């Protein structure tokens, strides 16, 4: 089954399958299915075309998903960069934006990757 250009797995319950769409998680998936009155435990492969169109209609009418959502997020981050906000500068430097510590965490993002120290002994080859 395809919804908004994304293949959804057929062998899972529909409530789990809808979460494969970017922007829809378990909670939103459950909310959508309850609004169109479809059983949450129904397998995806047993849906009729009418039920599929109801789900697609409900998603398109109320929610931004996939490319549209990614584009909106990119525009929001770009706006923060343009106005030179603190959060925009953190995004531009690829640092944590929401106040996380950077002394010990986010090493890989900062380019400060250290290898962990071993025991100091060399492995003896087996003969």
C-alpha atoms as a PDB file:
ATOM      1  CA  UNK A   1       0.000   0.000   0.000  1.00  0.00           C
ATOM      2  CA  UNK A   2       1.220   3.513  -0.794  1.00  0.00           C
ATOM      3  CA  UNK A   3       0.246   6.645   1.123  1.00  0.00           C
ATOM      4  CA  UNK A   4       1.726   9.994   0.085  1.00  0.00           C
ATOM      5  CA  UNK A   5       4.365   8.279  -2.042  1.00  0.00           C
ATOM      6  CA  UNK A   6       5.637   6.004   0.750  1.00  0.00           C
ATOM      7  CA  UNK A   7       5.355   2.226   0.779  1.00  0.00           C
ATOM      8  CA  UNK A   8       3.681   1.044   3.958  1.00  0.00           C
ATOM      9  CA  UNK A   9       4.343  -2.543   5.141  1.00  0.00           C
ATOM     10  CA  UNK A  10       1.456  -4.944   4.484  1.00  0.00           C
ATOM     11  CA  UNK A  11       2.223  -7.519   7.151  1.00  0.00           C
ATOM     12  CA  UNK A  12       1.788  -5.183  10.154  1.00  0.00           C
ATOM     13  CA  UNK A  13      -1.234  -3.675  11.886  1.00  0.00           C
ATOM     14  CA  UNK A  14      -2.424  -0.456  10.296  1.00  0.00           C
ATOM     15  CA  UNK A  15      -1.756   1.553  13.489  1.00  0.00           C
ATOM     16  CA  UNK A  16       1.935   0.562  13.265  1.00  0.00           C
ATOM     17  CA  UNK A  17       2.159   0.879   9.475  1.00  0.00           C
ATOM     18  CA  UNK A  18       0.998   4.495   9.423  1.00  0.00           C
ATOM     19  CA  UNK A  19       3.891   5.430  11.716  1.00  0.00           C
ATOM     20  CA  UNK A  20       6.246   4.705   8.782  1.00  0.00           C
ATOM     21  CA  UNK A  21       5.231   8.090   7.364  1.00  0.00           C
ATOM     22  CA  UNK A  22       7.480  11.006   8.340  1.00  0.00           C
ATOM     23  CA  UNK A  23       5.485  13.221  10.689  1.00  0.00           C
ATOM     24  CA  UNK A  24       3.107  10.523  11.943  1.00  0.00           C
ATOM     25  CA  UNK A  25       3.914   8.663  15.126  1.00  0.00           C
ATOM     26  CA  UNK A  26       1.963   6.083  17.133  1.00  0.00           C
ATOM     27  CA  UNK A  27      -0.282   8.632  18.853  1.00  0.00           C
ATOM     28  CA  UNK A  28      -1.216  10.481  15.655  1.00  0.00           C
ATOM     29  CA  UNK A  29      -1.728   7.197  13.813  1.00  0.00           C
ATOM     30  CA  UNK A  30      -4.213   6.065  16.450  1.00  0.00           C
ATOM     31  CA  UNK A  31      -5.994   9.437  16.351  1.00  0.00           C
ATOM     32  CA  UNK A  32      -6.341   9.322  12.537  1.00  0.00           C
ATOM     33  CA  UNK A  33      -7.735   5.775  12.538  1.00  0.00           C
ATOM     34  CA  UNK A  34     -10.242   6.612  15.270  1.00  0.00           C
ATOM     35  CA  UNK A  35     -11.421   9.659  13.297  1.00  0.00           C
ATOM     36  CA  UNK A  36     -12.155   7.543  10.191  1.00  0.00           C
ATOM     37  CA  UNK A  37     -13.556   4.669  12.313  1.00  0.00           C
ATOM     38  CA  UNK A  38     -11.163   1.885  11.289  1.00  0.00           C
ATOM     39  CA  UNK A  39     -10.135  -0.890  13.688  1.00  0.00           C
ATOM     40  CA  UNK A  40      -6.619  -0.273  15.035  1.00  0.00           C
ATOM     41  CA  UNK A  41      -5.688  -3.979  15.065  1.00  0.00           C
ATOM     42  CA  UNK A  42      -6.654  -4.584  11.445  1.00  0.00           C
ATOM     43  CA  UNK A  43      -3.768  -5.750   9.232  1.00  0.00           C
ATOM     44  CA  UNK A  44      -2.777  -3.345   6.467  1.00  0.00           C
ATOM     45  CA  UNK A  45      -3.236  -5.926   3.709  1.00  0.00           C
ATOM     46  CA  UNK A  46      -6.922  -6.449   4.598  1.00  0.00           C
ATOM     47  CA  UNK A  47      -7.896  -2.787   4.062  1.00  0.00           C
ATOM     48  CA  UNK A  48     -10.324  -1.999   1.265  1.00  0.00           C
ATOM     49  CA  UNK A  49      -9.651   0.762  -1.266  1.00  0.00           C
ATOM     50  CA  UNK A  50     -12.450   2.807   0.332  1.00  0.00           C
ATOM     51  CA  UNK A  51     -10.749   2.628   3.743  1.00  0.00           C
ATOM     52  CA  UNK A  52      -7.392   3.540   2.215  1.00  0.00           C
ATOM     53  CA  UNK A  53      -8.882   6.612   0.531  1.00  0.00           C
ATOM     54  CA  UNK A  54     -10.525   7.659   3.832  1.00  0.00           C
ATOM     55  CA  UNK A  55      -7.165   7.451   5.616  1.00  0.00           C
ATOM     56  CA  UNK A  56      -5.393   9.414   2.855  1.00  0.00           C
ATOM     57  CA  UNK A  57      -8.112  12.072   2.888  1.00  0.00           C
ATOM     58  CA  UNK A  58      -7.922  12.505   6.652  1.00  0.00           C
ATOM     59  CA  UNK A  59      -4.126  12.799   6.552  1.00  0.00           C
ATOM     60  CA  UNK A  60      -4.022  15.270   3.651  1.00  0.00           C
ATOM     61  CA  UNK A  61      -6.767  17.448   5.110  1.00  0.00           C
ATOM     62  CA  UNK A  62      -5.321  17.923   8.605  1.00  0.00           C
ATOM     63  CA  UNK A  63      -1.579  17.166   8.715  1.00  0.00           C
ATOM     64  CA  UNK A  64       1.697  18.060   7.023  1.00  0.00           C
ATOM     65  CA  UNK A  65       3.727  14.930   6.293  1.00  0.00           C
ATOM     66  CA  UNK A  66       6.801  13.820   4.349  1.00  0.00           C
ATOM     67  CA  UNK A  67       8.182  16.460   1.919  1.00  0.00           C
ATOM     68  CA  UNK A  68       5.847  19.242   2.977  1.00  0.00           C
ATOM     69  CA  UNK A  69       6.805  18.843   6.656  1.00  0.00           C
ATOM     70  CA  UNK A  70      10.532  18.577   5.876  1.00  0.00           C
ATOM     71  CA  UNK A  71      10.293  21.758   3.791  1.00  0.00           C
ATOM     72  CA  UNK A  72       8.491  23.630   6.593  1.00  0.00           C
ATOM     73  CA  UNK A  73      11.154  22.580   9.128  1.00  0.00           C
ATOM     74  CA  UNK A  74      13.945  23.630   6.746  1.00  0.00           C
ATOM     75  CA  UNK A  75      12.287  27.039   6.276  1.00  0.00           C
ATOM     76  CA  UNK A  76      11.947  27.538  10.047  1.00  0.00           C
ATOM     77  CA  UNK A  77      15.621  26.739  10.620  1.00  0.00           C
ATOM     78  CA  UNK A  78      16.602  28.972   7.686  1.00  0.00           C
ATOM     79  CA  UNK A  79      14.604  31.855   9.165  1.00  0.00           C
ATOM     80  CA  UNK A  80      16.435  31.452  12.492  1.00  0.00           C
ATOM     81  CA  UNK A  81      19.763  31.537  10.650  1.00  0.00           C
ATOM     82  CA  UNK A  82      18.774  34.603   8.611  1.00  0.00           C
ATOM     83  CA  UNK A  83      17.798  36.667  11.645  1.00  0.00           C
ATOM     84  CA  UNK A  84      20.995  35.503  13.361  1.00  0.00           C
ATOM     85  CA  UNK A  85      19.157  34.149  16.366  1.00  0.00           C
ATOM     86  CA  UNK A  86      21.116  32.128  18.922  1.00  0.00           C
ATOM     87  CA  UNK A  87      19.329  28.932  17.881  1.00  0.00           C
ATOM     88  CA  UNK A  88      20.066  29.718  14.234  1.00  0.00           C
ATOM     89  CA  UNK A  89      23.774  30.089  14.963  1.00  0.00           C
ATOM     90  CA  UNK A  90      23.769  26.758  16.839  1.00  0.00           C
ATOM     91  CA  UNK A  91      22.109  25.108  13.815  1.00  0.00           C
ATOM     92  CA  UNK A  92      24.665  26.674  11.467  1.00  0.00           C
ATOM     93  CA  UNK A  93      27.566  25.360  13.564  1.00  0.00           C
ATOM     94  CA  UNK A  94      25.875  21.959  13.930  1.00  0.00           C
ATOM     95  CA  UNK A  95      25.889  22.186  17.738  1.00  0.00           C
ATOM     96  CA  UNK A  96      23.117  21.184  20.162  1.00  0.00           C
ATOM     97  CA  UNK A  97      20.317  23.748  19.994  1.00  0.00           C
ATOM     98  CA  UNK A  98      18.257  23.055  23.097  1.00  0.00           C
ATOM     99  CA  UNK A  99      20.708  23.741  25.899  1.00  0.00           C
ATOM    100  CA  UNK A 100      22.452  20.373  26.140  1.00  0.00           C
ATOM    101  CA  UNK A 101      25.962  20.307  27.536  1.00  0.00           C
ATOM    102  CA  UNK A 102      28.823  20.119  25.073  1.00  0.00           C
ATOM    103  CA  UNK A 103      31.829  19.492  27.322  1.00  0.00           C
ATOM    104  CA  UNK A 104      31.336  15.745  27.453  1.00  0.00           C
ATOM    105  CA  UNK A 105      28.523  15.037  24.997  1.00  0.00           C
ATOM    106  CA  UNK A 106      28.193  15.860  21.281  1.00  0.00           C
ATOM    107  CA  UNK A 107      31.880  15.112  20.684  1.00  0.00           C
ATOM    108  CA  UNK A 108      31.338  13.690  17.231  1.00  0.00           C
ATOM    109  CA  UNK A 109      29.381  16.737  16.129  1.00  0.00           C
ATOM    110  CA  UNK A 110      32.148  19.047  17.364  1.00  0.00           C
ATOM    111  CA  UNK A 111      34.831  16.956  15.659  1.00  0.00           C
ATOM    112  CA  UNK A 112      36.526  16.030  18.943  1.00  0.00           C
ATOM    113  CA  UNK A 113      36.477  12.268  18.609  1.00  0.00           C
ATOM    114  CA  UNK A 114      38.680  10.430  21.098  1.00  0.00           C
ATOM    115  CA  UNK A 115      39.393   6.746  20.939  1.00  0.00           C
ATOM    116  CA  UNK A 116      38.812   4.887  24.179  1.00  0.00           C
ATOM    117  CA  UNK A 117      41.974   3.676  25.877  1.00  0.00           C
ATOM    118  CA  UNK A 118      42.643  -0.048  25.980  1.00  0.00           C
ATOM    119  CA  UNK A 119      44.296  -2.007  28.765  1.00  0.00           C
ATOM    120  CA  UNK A 120      47.773  -1.246  27.416  1.00  0.00           C
ATOM    121  CA  UNK A 121      48.625  -4.879  26.802  1.00  0.00           C
ATOM    122  CA  UNK A 122      49.143  -6.200  23.322  1.00  0.00           C
ATOM    123  CA  UNK A 123      47.285  -9.302  22.303  1.00  0.00           C
ATOM    124  CA  UNK A 124      49.594 -12.329  22.117  1.00  0.00           C
ATOM    125  CA  UNK A 125      49.223 -14.228  18.853  1.00  0.00           C
ATOM    126  CA  UNK A 126      48.227 -17.864  19.183  1.00  0.00           C
ATOM    127  CA  UNK A 127      50.701 -20.358  17.686  1.00  0.00           C
END
